[in-house]
PDB file of N, CA and C in Angstrom:
ATOM      1  N   MET A   1     -10.726  28.383  -2.305  1.00  0.00           N
ATOM      2  CA  MET A   1      -8.640  28.078  -1.840  1.00  0.00           C
ATOM      3  C   MET A   1      -8.121  28.330  -0.067  1.00  0.00           C
ATOM      4  N   ILE A   2      -6.934  27.813  -0.128  1.00  0.00           N
ATOM      5  CA  ILE A   2      -6.338  28.211   1.271  1.00  0.00           C
ATOM      6  C   ILE A   2      -5.546  28.624   0.869  1.00  0.00           C
ATOM      7  N   VAL A   3      -4.919  29.398   2.617  1.00  0.00           N
ATOM      8  CA  VAL A   3      -3.830  28.999   2.485  1.00  0.00           C
ATOM      9  C   VAL A   3      -2.918  28.038   3.304  1.00  0.00           C
ATOM     10  N   GLY A   4      -2.007  27.893   2.819  1.00  0.00           N
ATOM     11  CA  GLY A   4      -1.274  26.276   4.296  1.00  0.00           C
ATOM     12  C   GLY A   4      -0.115  26.427   4.488  1.00  0.00           C
ATOM     13  N   THR A   5       0.082  25.364   5.458  1.00  0.00           N
ATOM     14  CA  THR A   5       2.025  25.211   5.619  1.00  0.00           C
ATOM     15  C   THR A   5       2.363  23.340   5.228  1.00  0.00           C
ATOM     16  N   VAL A   6       3.159  23.261   4.404  1.00  0.00           N
ATOM     17  CA  VAL A   6       3.849  22.233   3.685  1.00  0.00           C
ATOM     18  C   VAL A   6       3.790  21.241   4.901  1.00  0.00           C
ATOM     19  N   VAL A   7       3.318  20.240   5.535  1.00  0.00           N
ATOM     20  CA  VAL A   7       4.004  19.525   6.925  1.00  0.00           C
ATOM     21  C   VAL A   7       4.432  18.240   5.687  1.00  0.00           C
ATOM     22  N   GLY A   8       3.943  17.891   5.324  1.00  0.00           N
ATOM     23  CA  GLY A   8       4.906  16.200   4.893  1.00  0.00           C
ATOM     24  C   GLY A   8       4.778  15.661   3.088  1.00  0.00           C
ATOM     25  N   ASN A   9       4.688  14.700   2.875  1.00  0.00           N
ATOM     26  CA  ASN A   9       4.922  14.113   1.625  1.00  0.00           C
ATOM     27  C   ASN A   9       4.177  13.315   1.602  1.00  0.00           C
ATOM     28  N   VAL A  10       3.492  12.098   0.039  1.00  0.00           N
ATOM     29  CA  VAL A  10       3.227  11.558   0.249  1.00  0.00           C
ATOM     30  C   VAL A  10       3.466  11.011  -0.659  1.00  0.00           C
ATOM     31  N   TRP A  11       3.846   9.249  -0.553  1.00  0.00           N
ATOM     32  CA  TRP A  11       4.018   8.232  -1.674  1.00  0.00           C
ATOM     33  C   TRP A  11       3.207   7.857  -2.180  1.00  0.00           C
ATOM     34  N   ALA A  12       2.888   7.053  -3.495  1.00  0.00           N
ATOM     35  CA  ALA A  12       2.173   5.885  -3.570  1.00  0.00           C
ATOM     36  C   ALA A  12       2.167   5.301  -5.199  1.00  0.00           C
ATOM     37  N   THR A  13       2.435   3.954  -4.897  1.00  0.00           N
ATOM     38  CA  THR A  13       2.805   3.694  -5.838  1.00  0.00           C
ATOM     39  C   THR A  13       2.472   2.661  -6.814  1.00  0.00           C
ATOM     40  N   ARG A  14       0.869   2.338  -6.158  1.00  0.00           N
ATOM     41  CA  ARG A  14      -0.224   2.024  -6.519  1.00  0.00           C
ATOM     42  C   ARG A  14      -1.663   3.303  -6.938  1.00  0.00           C
ATOM     43  N   LYS A  15      -1.301   4.131  -7.787  1.00  0.00           N
ATOM     44  CA  LYS A  15      -3.069   4.905  -7.738  1.00  0.00           C
ATOM     45  C   LYS A  15      -2.822   5.098  -9.928  1.00  0.00           C
ATOM     46  N   ASP A  16      -4.052   6.017  -9.137  1.00  0.00           N
ATOM     47  CA  ASP A  16      -5.548   5.565 -11.086  1.00  0.00           C
ATOM     48  C   ASP A  16      -4.029   6.380 -11.546  1.00  0.00           C
ATOM     49  N   GLU A  17      -4.134   5.453 -13.216  1.00  0.00           N
ATOM     50  CA  GLU A  17      -3.674   6.375 -14.687  1.00  0.00           C
ATOM     51  C   GLU A  17      -3.009   7.599 -14.094  1.00  0.00           C
ATOM     52  N   SER A  18      -4.054   8.247 -14.364  1.00  0.00           N
ATOM     53  CA  SER A  18      -4.057   9.627 -13.903  1.00  0.00           C
ATOM     54  C   SER A  18      -3.290  10.948 -13.215  1.00  0.00           C
ATOM     55  N   LEU A  19      -2.951   9.858 -12.300  1.00  0.00           N
ATOM     56  CA  LEU A  19      -1.710  10.591 -11.025  1.00  0.00           C
ATOM     57  C   LEU A  19      -0.038   9.350 -11.461  1.00  0.00           C
ATOM     58  N   THR A  20      -0.057   9.102 -12.254  1.00  0.00           N
ATOM     59  CA  THR A  20       1.734   8.636 -12.879  1.00  0.00           C
ATOM     60  C   THR A  20       2.627  10.323 -12.636  1.00  0.00           C
ATOM     61  N   GLY A  21       3.125   9.876 -12.188  1.00  0.00           N
ATOM     62  CA  GLY A  21       4.309  11.239 -11.872  1.00  0.00           C
ATOM     63  C   GLY A  21       4.385  12.376 -11.653  1.00  0.00           C
ATOM     64  N   LEU A  22       2.605  11.879 -10.654  1.00  0.00           N
ATOM     65  CA  LEU A  22       2.590  14.142  -9.991  1.00  0.00           C
ATOM     66  C   LEU A  22       2.946  13.792  -8.611  1.00  0.00           C
ATOM     67  N   ARG A  23       2.799  14.927  -8.391  1.00  0.00           N
ATOM     68  CA  ARG A  23       4.012  15.013  -5.829  1.00  0.00           C
ATOM     69  C   ARG A  23       2.867  15.430  -5.502  1.00  0.00           C
ATOM     70  N   PHE A  24       2.264  14.730  -4.457  1.00  0.00           N
ATOM     71  CA  PHE A  24       1.138  14.591  -3.419  1.00  0.00           C
ATOM     72  C   PHE A  24       2.196  15.505  -1.971  1.00  0.00           C
ATOM     73  N   LEU A  25       1.873  16.488  -1.785  1.00  0.00           N
ATOM     74  CA  LEU A  25       1.962  16.894  -0.213  1.00  0.00           C
ATOM     75  C   LEU A  25       0.917  17.142   0.531  1.00  0.00           C
ATOM     76  N   VAL A  26       1.605  17.045   1.558  1.00  0.00           N
ATOM     77  CA  VAL A  26       0.113  17.090   3.273  1.00  0.00           C
ATOM     78  C   VAL A  26       0.656  18.220   3.675  1.00  0.00           C
ATOM     79  N   VAL A  27      -0.456  19.163   3.579  1.00  0.00           N
ATOM     80  CA  VAL A  27      -0.913  20.314   4.096  1.00  0.00           C
ATOM     81  C   VAL A  27      -1.936  20.618   4.676  1.00  0.00           C
ATOM     82  N   GLN A  28      -1.593  22.155   5.912  1.00  0.00           N
ATOM     83  CA  GLN A  28      -2.196  21.833   6.502  1.00  0.00           C
ATOM     84  C   GLN A  28      -3.165  23.332   6.665  1.00  0.00           C
ATOM     85  N   PRO A  29      -3.769  23.913   6.317  1.00  0.00           N
ATOM     86  CA  PRO A  29      -4.202  24.986   6.590  1.00  0.00           C
ATOM     87  C   PRO A  29      -4.106  26.050   8.083  1.00  0.00           C
ATOM     88  N   PHE A  30      -3.573  27.336   6.816  1.00  0.00           N
ATOM     89  CA  PHE A  30      -2.779  28.541   8.085  1.00  0.00           C
ATOM     90  C   PHE A  30      -4.004  28.787   8.838  1.00  0.00           C
ATOM     91  N   THR A  31      -3.449  29.826  10.077  1.00  0.00           N
ATOM     92  CA  THR A  31      -4.015  29.664  11.080  1.00  0.00           C
ATOM     93  C   THR A  31      -3.594  30.446  12.125  1.00  0.00           C
ATOM     94  N   GLN A  32      -4.295  31.796  12.999  1.00  0.00           N
ATOM     95  CA  GLN A  32      -3.623  32.313  13.346  1.00  0.00           C
ATOM     96  C   GLN A  32      -3.875  32.065  15.099  1.00  0.00           C
ATOM     97  N   GLY A  33      -2.884  32.732  15.691  1.00  0.00           N
ATOM     98  CA  GLY A  33      -3.019  32.272  16.910  1.00  0.00           C
ATOM     99  C   GLY A  33      -2.292  31.154  16.935  1.00  0.00           C
ATOM    100  N   PRO A  34      -2.556  30.632  19.134  1.00  0.00           N
ATOM    101  CA  PRO A  34      -1.895  29.977  19.453  1.00  0.00           C
ATOM    102  C   PRO A  34      -2.317  28.162  18.866  1.00  0.00           C
ATOM    103  N   ASN A  35      -3.830  27.776  18.436  1.00  0.00           N
ATOM    104  CA  ASN A  35      -4.244  26.812  17.883  1.00  0.00           C
ATOM    105  C   ASN A  35      -3.799  26.745  16.811  1.00  0.00           C
ATOM    106  N   GLU A  36      -3.130  25.323  16.560  1.00  0.00           N
ATOM    107  CA  GLU A  36      -2.951  25.608  15.356  1.00  0.00           C
ATOM    108  C   GLU A  36      -3.949  24.128  14.971  1.00  0.00           C
ATOM    109  N   SER A  37      -4.573  24.291  13.204  1.00  0.00           N
ATOM    110  CA  SER A  37      -5.308  23.020  12.870  1.00  0.00           C
ATOM    111  C   SER A  37      -5.192  21.388  12.679  1.00  0.00           C
ATOM    112  N   ALA A  38      -5.363  21.126  13.344  1.00  0.00           N
ATOM    113  CA  ALA A  38      -5.431  19.414  13.456  1.00  0.00           C
ATOM    114  C   ALA A  38      -5.749  18.709  11.941  1.00  0.00           C
ATOM    115  N   GLU A  39      -6.584  19.319  11.110  1.00  0.00           N
ATOM    116  CA  GLU A  39      -7.475  19.110   9.540  1.00  0.00           C
ATOM    117  C   GLU A  39      -6.256  19.340   9.140  1.00  0.00           C
ATOM    118  N   THR A  40      -5.783  18.591   8.135  1.00  0.00           N
ATOM    119  CA  THR A  40      -4.532  18.177   6.735  1.00  0.00           C
ATOM    120  C   THR A  40      -5.610  17.836   5.443  1.00  0.00           C
ATOM    121  N   ILE A  41      -4.363  18.422   4.711  1.00  0.00           N
ATOM    122  CA  ILE A  41      -5.197  18.097   3.361  1.00  0.00           C
ATOM    123  C   ILE A  41      -3.950  17.213   1.420  1.00  0.00           C
ATOM    124  N   VAL A  42      -4.554  16.465   1.354  1.00  0.00           N
ATOM    125  CA  VAL A  42      -3.167  16.584   0.290  1.00  0.00           C
ATOM    126  C   VAL A  42      -3.351  17.377  -0.844  1.00  0.00           C
ATOM    127  N   ALA A  43      -1.983  17.634  -1.415  1.00  0.00           N
ATOM    128  CA  ALA A  43      -2.668  18.876  -2.442  1.00  0.00           C
ATOM    129  C   ALA A  43      -1.308  17.940  -3.902  1.00  0.00           C
ATOM    130  N   VAL A  44      -1.785  18.105  -5.299  1.00  0.00           N
ATOM    131  CA  VAL A  44      -0.582  17.607  -6.209  1.00  0.00           C
ATOM    132  C   VAL A  44       0.216  18.862  -5.625  1.00  0.00           C
ATOM    133  N   ASP A  45       1.716  18.339  -6.423  1.00  0.00           N
ATOM    134  CA  ASP A  45       2.339  20.185  -6.329  1.00  0.00           C
ATOM    135  C   ASP A  45       2.693  19.961  -7.395  1.00  0.00           C
ATOM    136  N   PRO A  46       3.142  21.043  -8.362  1.00  0.00           N
ATOM    137  CA  PRO A  46       3.749  20.992  -9.906  1.00  0.00           C
ATOM    138  C   PRO A  46       4.315  22.439  -9.896  1.00  0.00           C
ATOM    139  N   LEU A  47       4.803  22.731  -8.383  1.00  0.00           N
ATOM    140  CA  LEU A  47       5.754  23.460  -8.743  1.00  0.00           C
ATOM    141  C   LEU A  47       6.988  23.237  -7.418  1.00  0.00           C
ATOM    142  N   GLY A  48       6.554  22.993  -6.703  1.00  0.00           N
ATOM    143  CA  GLY A  48       8.564  22.130  -6.138  1.00  0.00           C
ATOM    144  C   GLY A  48       8.449  22.545  -4.571  1.00  0.00           C
ATOM    145  N   ALA A  49       7.183  23.081  -3.816  1.00  0.00           N
ATOM    146  CA  ALA A  49       7.071  23.198  -2.572  1.00  0.00           C
ATOM    147  C   ALA A  49       7.958  22.413  -1.621  1.00  0.00           C
ATOM    148  N   GLY A  50       8.047  23.033  -0.412  1.00  0.00           N
ATOM    149  CA  GLY A  50       9.042  22.036   0.472  1.00  0.00           C
ATOM    150  C   GLY A  50       8.314  21.907   1.950  1.00  0.00           C
ATOM    151  N   VAL A  51       8.963  20.821   2.222  1.00  0.00           N
ATOM    152  CA  VAL A  51       7.931  21.212   3.879  1.00  0.00           C
ATOM    153  C   VAL A  51       8.598  22.349   5.074  1.00  0.00           C
ATOM    154  N   GLY A  52       7.450  22.956   5.228  1.00  0.00           N
ATOM    155  CA  GLY A  52       7.693  24.192   6.357  1.00  0.00           C
ATOM    156  C   GLY A  52       7.612  25.599   5.531  1.00  0.00           C
ATOM    157  N   GLU A  53       6.958  25.236   3.804  1.00  0.00           N
ATOM    158  CA  GLU A  53       6.640  26.370   3.178  1.00  0.00           C
ATOM    159  C   GLU A  53       5.633  26.486   3.078  1.00  0.00           C
ATOM    160  N   ARG A  54       4.594  27.535   2.794  1.00  0.00           N
ATOM    161  CA  ARG A  54       3.471  28.216   2.849  1.00  0.00           C
ATOM    162  C   ARG A  54       3.337  28.412   1.654  1.00  0.00           C
ATOM    163  N   VAL A  55       1.881  27.512   1.551  1.00  0.00           N
ATOM    164  CA  VAL A  55       1.102  27.612   0.154  1.00  0.00           C
ATOM    165  C   VAL A  55      -0.259  28.154  -0.076  1.00  0.00           C
ATOM    166  N   LEU A  56      -0.754  28.632  -1.275  1.00  0.00           N
ATOM    167  CA  LEU A  56      -2.246  29.164  -2.122  1.00  0.00           C
ATOM    168  C   LEU A  56      -2.633  27.483  -3.007  1.00  0.00           C
ATOM    169  N   VAL A  57      -3.428  26.388  -2.168  1.00  0.00           N
ATOM    170  CA  VAL A  57      -3.906  25.319  -2.741  1.00  0.00           C
ATOM    171  C   VAL A  57      -5.463  25.857  -3.191  1.00  0.00           C
ATOM    172  N   VAL A  58      -5.665  25.502  -3.716  1.00  0.00           N
ATOM    173  CA  VAL A  58      -6.716  25.737  -5.132  1.00  0.00           C
ATOM    174  C   VAL A  58      -7.389  23.987  -5.600  1.00  0.00           C
ATOM    175  N   PHE A  59      -9.049  24.421  -6.052  1.00  0.00           N
ATOM    176  CA  PHE A  59      -9.677  22.605  -5.501  1.00  0.00           C
ATOM    177  C   PHE A  59     -10.445  23.001  -6.624  1.00  0.00           C
ATOM    178  N   GLY A  60     -10.609  22.426  -7.204  1.00  0.00           N
ATOM    179  CA  GLY A  60     -11.959  21.521  -8.806  1.00  0.00           C
ATOM    180  C   GLY A  60     -10.798  21.882  -9.960  1.00  0.00           C
ATOM    181  N   ARG A  61     -12.054  22.674 -10.610  1.00  0.00           N
ATOM    182  CA  ARG A  61     -11.101  23.249 -12.223  1.00  0.00           C
ATOM    183  C   ARG A  61     -10.673  23.863 -12.069  1.00  0.00           C
ATOM    184  N   ALA A  62     -10.118  25.628 -10.677  1.00  0.00           N
ATOM    185  CA  ALA A  62      -8.996  25.380 -10.582  1.00  0.00           C
ATOM    186  C   ALA A  62      -7.845  24.772 -10.483  1.00  0.00           C
ATOM    187  N   ALA A  63      -7.841  23.748  -9.577  1.00  0.00           N
ATOM    188  CA  ALA A  63      -6.616  23.083  -9.362  1.00  0.00           C
ATOM    189  C   ALA A  63      -6.509  21.236 -10.768  1.00  0.00           C
ATOM    190  N   ARG A  64      -7.570  21.234 -11.304  1.00  0.00           N
ATOM    191  CA  ARG A  64      -7.434  20.498 -12.842  1.00  0.00           C
ATOM    192  C   ARG A  64      -6.640  21.273 -13.760  1.00  0.00           C
ATOM    193  N   HIS A  65      -6.941  22.356 -13.299  1.00  0.00           N
ATOM    194  CA  HIS A  65      -5.723  23.601 -14.399  1.00  0.00           C
ATOM    195  C   HIS A  65      -4.232  23.197 -13.899  1.00  0.00           C
ATOM    196  N   VAL A  66      -4.827  24.348 -12.706  1.00  0.00           N
ATOM    197  CA  VAL A  66      -3.037  24.103 -12.581  1.00  0.00           C
ATOM    198  C   VAL A  66      -2.006  22.277 -12.300  1.00  0.00           C
ATOM    199  N   ILE A  67      -2.374  21.161 -12.339  1.00  0.00           N
ATOM    200  CA  ILE A  67      -2.196  19.861 -12.527  1.00  0.00           C
ATOM    201  C   ILE A  67      -1.380  20.397 -13.666  1.00  0.00           C
ATOM    202  N   GLY A  68      -2.538  20.411 -14.839  1.00  0.00           N
ATOM    203  CA  GLY A  68      -2.118  20.890 -16.158  1.00  0.00           C
ATOM    204  C   GLY A  68      -2.983  19.216 -16.820  1.00  0.00           C
ATOM    205  N   ARG A  69      -4.024  19.124 -16.608  1.00  0.00           N
ATOM    206  CA  ARG A  69      -3.723  17.424 -17.539  1.00  0.00           C
ATOM    207  C   ARG A  69      -5.265  17.946 -17.755  1.00  0.00           C
ATOM    208  N   GLY A  70      -6.294  18.960 -17.599  1.00  0.00           N
ATOM    209  CA  GLY A  70      -7.446  18.984 -18.173  1.00  0.00           C
ATOM    210  C   GLY A  70      -8.260  18.218 -17.200  1.00  0.00           C
ATOM    211  N   HIS A  71      -9.214  17.612 -17.387  1.00  0.00           N
ATOM    212  CA  HIS A  71     -10.932  16.644 -17.039  1.00  0.00           C
ATOM    213  C   HIS A  71      -9.791  15.712 -16.703  1.00  0.00           C
ATOM    214  N   ASP A  72      -9.097  15.212 -17.391  1.00  0.00           N
ATOM    215  CA  ASP A  72      -8.510  13.850 -17.712  1.00  0.00           C
ATOM    216  C   ASP A  72      -7.583  13.776 -15.926  1.00  0.00           C
ATOM    217  N   VAL A  73      -7.584  14.232 -15.277  1.00  0.00           N
ATOM    218  CA  VAL A  73      -6.702  13.999 -14.047  1.00  0.00           C
ATOM    219  C   VAL A  73      -7.837  13.766 -13.042  1.00  0.00           C
ATOM    220  N   GLY A  74      -7.501  12.429 -12.213  1.00  0.00           N
ATOM    221  CA  GLY A  74      -8.665  11.819 -11.049  1.00  0.00           C
ATOM    222  C   GLY A  74      -7.836  12.552 -10.137  1.00  0.00           C
ATOM    223  N   PHE A  75      -7.887  14.112  -9.997  1.00  0.00           N
ATOM    224  CA  PHE A  75      -7.807  14.367  -8.232  1.00  0.00           C
ATOM    225  C   PHE A  75      -7.845  16.627  -8.846  1.00  0.00           C
ATOM    226  N   GLN A  76      -8.840  16.464  -7.364  1.00  0.00           N
ATOM    227  CA  GLN A  76      -9.536  17.891  -7.732  1.00  0.00           C
ATOM    228  C   GLN A  76      -8.966  18.851  -6.431  1.00  0.00           C
ATOM    229  N   THR A  77      -7.015  18.823  -6.159  1.00  0.00           N
ATOM    230  CA  THR A  77      -6.204  19.186  -4.835  1.00  0.00           C
ATOM    231  C   THR A  77      -5.465  19.936  -5.837  1.00  0.00           C
ATOM    232  N   ALA A  78      -4.860  20.729  -5.601  1.00  0.00           N
ATOM    233  CA  ALA A  78      -3.172  21.399  -6.031  1.00  0.00           C
ATOM    234  C   ALA A  78      -2.367  22.822  -5.398  1.00  0.00           C
ATOM    235  N   VAL A  79      -0.916  22.512  -5.397  1.00  0.00           N
ATOM    236  CA  VAL A  79      -0.761  23.868  -4.774  1.00  0.00           C
ATOM    237  C   VAL A  79      -0.757  24.609  -6.018  1.00  0.00           C
ATOM    238  N   ALA A  80      -1.302  26.534  -5.927  1.00  0.00           N
ATOM    239  CA  ALA A  80      -0.986  27.158  -7.219  1.00  0.00           C
ATOM    240  C   ALA A  80      -0.103  27.864  -6.840  1.00  0.00           C
ATOM    241  N   ALA A  81       0.682  28.088  -6.096  1.00  0.00           N
ATOM    242  CA  ALA A  81       0.983  29.310  -5.474  1.00  0.00           C
ATOM    243  C   ALA A  81       2.360  28.448  -4.323  1.00  0.00           C
ATOM    244  N   ILE A  82       3.573  28.727  -4.389  1.00  0.00           N
ATOM    245  CA  ILE A  82       4.298  29.524  -3.040  1.00  0.00           C
ATOM    246  C   ILE A  82       4.617  30.740  -2.903  1.00  0.00           C
ATOM    247  N   VAL A  83       3.937  30.555  -1.748  1.00  0.00           N
ATOM    248  CA  VAL A  83       3.609  31.622  -0.911  1.00  0.00           C
ATOM    249  C   VAL A  83       5.146  33.139  -0.967  1.00  0.00           C
ATOM    250  N   ASP A  84       5.570  34.638  -0.611  1.00  0.00           N
ATOM    251  CA  ASP A  84       5.966  34.721  -0.370  1.00  0.00           C
ATOM    252  C   ASP A  84       6.147  36.123   0.811  1.00  0.00           C
ATOM    253  N   ARG A  85       5.102  36.231   1.054  1.00  0.00           N
ATOM    254  CA  ARG A  85       4.471  36.855   2.437  1.00  0.00           C
ATOM    255  C   ARG A  85       2.933  37.190   1.821  1.00  0.00           C
ATOM    256  N   MET A  86       2.335  37.938   3.397  1.00  0.00           N
ATOM    257  CA  MET A  86       0.839  37.935   3.211  1.00  0.00           C
ATOM    258  C   MET A  86       1.046  39.198   4.624  1.00  0.00           C
ATOM    259  N   GLU A  87       0.215  39.583   4.254  1.00  0.00           N
ATOM    260  CA  GLU A  87      -0.283  40.962   5.355  1.00  0.00           C
ATOM    261  C   GLU A  87      -1.218  40.852   5.976  1.00  0.00           C
ATOM    262  N   LEU A  88      -1.892  40.865   6.955  1.00  0.00           N
ATOM    263  CA  LEU A  88      -2.334  40.762   7.465  1.00  0.00           C
ATOM    264  C   LEU A  88      -2.716  42.445   8.168  1.00  0.00           C
ATOM    265  N   GLU A  89      -4.332  42.173   8.049  1.00  0.00           N
ATOM    266  CA  GLU A  89      -5.075  43.424   8.516  1.00  0.00           C
ATOM    267  C   GLU A  89      -4.362  44.348   9.650  1.00  0.00           C
ATOM    268  N   ASP A  90      -4.470  43.387  10.933  1.00  0.00           N
ATOM    269  CA  ASP A  90      -4.136  43.661  11.894  1.00  0.00           C
ATOM    270  C   ASP A  90      -2.625  43.450  12.417  1.00  0.00           C
ATOM    271  N   GLY A  91      -1.535  43.667  11.189  1.00  0.00           N
ATOM    272  CA  GLY A  91       0.148  44.490  10.988  1.00  0.00           C
ATOM    273  C   GLY A  91       1.185  43.677  11.437  1.00  0.00           C
ATOM    274  N   HIS A  92       0.036  41.477  11.470  1.00  0.00           N
ATOM    275  CA  HIS A  92       0.725  40.681  11.128  1.00  0.00           C
ATOM    276  C   HIS A  92       1.388  40.779   9.357  1.00  0.00           C
ATOM    277  N   SER A  93       2.759  40.502   9.823  1.00  0.00           N
ATOM    278  CA  SER A  93       3.235  39.707   8.657  1.00  0.00           C
ATOM    279  C   SER A  93       3.440  37.717   9.059  1.00  0.00           C
ATOM    280  N   ILE A  94       3.697  37.561   7.158  1.00  0.00           N
ATOM    281  CA  ILE A  94       3.377  36.315   7.231  1.00  0.00           C
ATOM    282  C   ILE A  94       4.319  35.861   6.503  1.00  0.00           C
ATOM    283  N   GLY A  95       5.446  35.455   6.840  1.00  0.00           N
ATOM    284  CA  GLY A  95       6.440  34.797   5.727  1.00  0.00           C
ATOM    285  C   GLY A  95       6.407  33.441   5.163  1.00  0.00           C
ATOM    286  N   PRO A  96       7.266  33.460   3.941  1.00  0.00           N
ATOM    287  CA  PRO A  96       7.251  31.704   3.604  1.00  0.00           C
ATOM    288  C   PRO A  96       7.465  30.309   4.162  1.00  0.00           C
ATOM    289  N   THR A  97       8.081  31.118   5.827  1.00  0.00           N
ATOM    290  CA  THR A  97       7.621  29.805   6.809  1.00  0.00           C
ATOM    291  C   THR A  97       7.183  30.397   7.957  1.00  0.00           C
ATOM    292  N   LYS A  98       7.183  29.569   9.188  1.00  0.00           N
ATOM    293  CA  LYS A  98       6.323  29.855   9.643  1.00  0.00           C
ATOM    294  C   LYS A  98       7.760  30.921  10.708  1.00  0.00           C
ATOM    295  N   GLY A  99       8.763  30.379  10.553  1.00  0.00           N
ATOM    296  CA  GLY A  99      10.019  31.097  11.354  1.00  0.00           C
ATOM    297  C   GLY A  99      10.670  32.970  10.510  1.00  0.00           C
ATOM    298  N   ASP A 100       9.627  32.875   9.339  1.00  0.00           N
ATOM    299  CA  ASP A 100       9.708  34.102   9.071  1.00  0.00           C
ATOM    300  C   ASP A 100       8.807  35.139   9.293  1.00  0.00           C
ATOM    301  N   ASP A 101       7.808  35.031   9.685  1.00  0.00           N
ATOM    302  CA  ASP A 101       6.459  35.748  10.582  1.00  0.00           C
ATOM    303  C   ASP A 101       7.492  36.262  10.900  1.00  0.00           C
ATOM    304  N   GLU A 102       5.806  37.690  11.053  1.00  0.00           N
ATOM    305  CA  GLU A 102       6.631  38.878  12.309  1.00  0.00           C
ATOM    306  C   GLU A 102       5.739  39.700  12.976  1.00  0.00           C
ATOM    307  N   ALA A 103       5.429  40.060  13.744  1.00  0.00           N
ATOM    308  CA  ALA A 103       4.451  40.258  14.805  1.00  0.00           C
ATOM    309  C   ALA A 103       4.012  41.671  14.855  1.00  0.00           C
ATOM    310  N   PRO A 104       3.138  41.884  14.464  1.00  0.00           N
ATOM    311  CA  PRO A 104       2.570  43.588  13.762  1.00  0.00           C
ATOM    312  C   PRO A 104       3.567  44.463  15.114  1.00  0.00           C
ATOM    313  N   PRO A 105       4.145  45.791  14.668  1.00  0.00           N
ATOM    314  CA  PRO A 105       4.706  46.907  15.754  1.00  0.00           C
ATOM    315  C   PRO A 105       3.994  46.940  16.927  1.00  0.00           C
ATOM    316  N   LYS A 106       4.702  47.057  17.790  1.00  0.00           N
ATOM    317  CA  LYS A 106       3.645  47.763  19.500  1.00  0.00           C
ATOM    318  C   LYS A 106       3.790  48.750  18.804  1.00  0.00           C
ATOM    319  N   LYS A 107       2.996  49.104  19.946  1.00  0.00           N
ATOM    320  CA  LYS A 107       1.839  50.505  19.203  1.00  0.00           C
ATOM    321  C   LYS A 107       2.654  51.395  20.789  1.00  0.00           C
ATOM    322  N   ALA A 108       2.449  52.706  20.116  1.00  0.00           N
ATOM    323  CA  ALA A 108       3.609  53.696  21.616  1.00  0.00           C
ATOM    324  C   ALA A 108       2.701  53.862  22.502  1.00  0.00           C
ATOM    325  N   LYS A 109       2.657  53.828  23.833  1.00  0.00           N
ATOM    326  CA  LYS A 109       1.436  54.129  24.694  1.00  0.00           C
ATOM    327  C   LYS A 109       1.397  55.944  25.635  1.00  0.00           C
TER     328      LYS A 109
END
């Protein structure tokens, strides 16, 4: 599983029958520092996440469970949660969107 940021939507009028009625999002994996990942993935979104929100993405069997169609779905990536906050070991507080992130408190010298 990964944490990522929703960076777009995917619309497909022609698709496998098992995907009818599902919503697709483009998700960019979360990275720290100035270098953003150029990699993206497409995930089914049963929760209604929006562009800019941070999400938890699961793969394989877990994704099929989240999608709720058992093994009869032709997709193996899904949004399992919309992130409210993450606290990292270095003191960074990661919010639901990039604008909500907080740097660690500065140490007194």
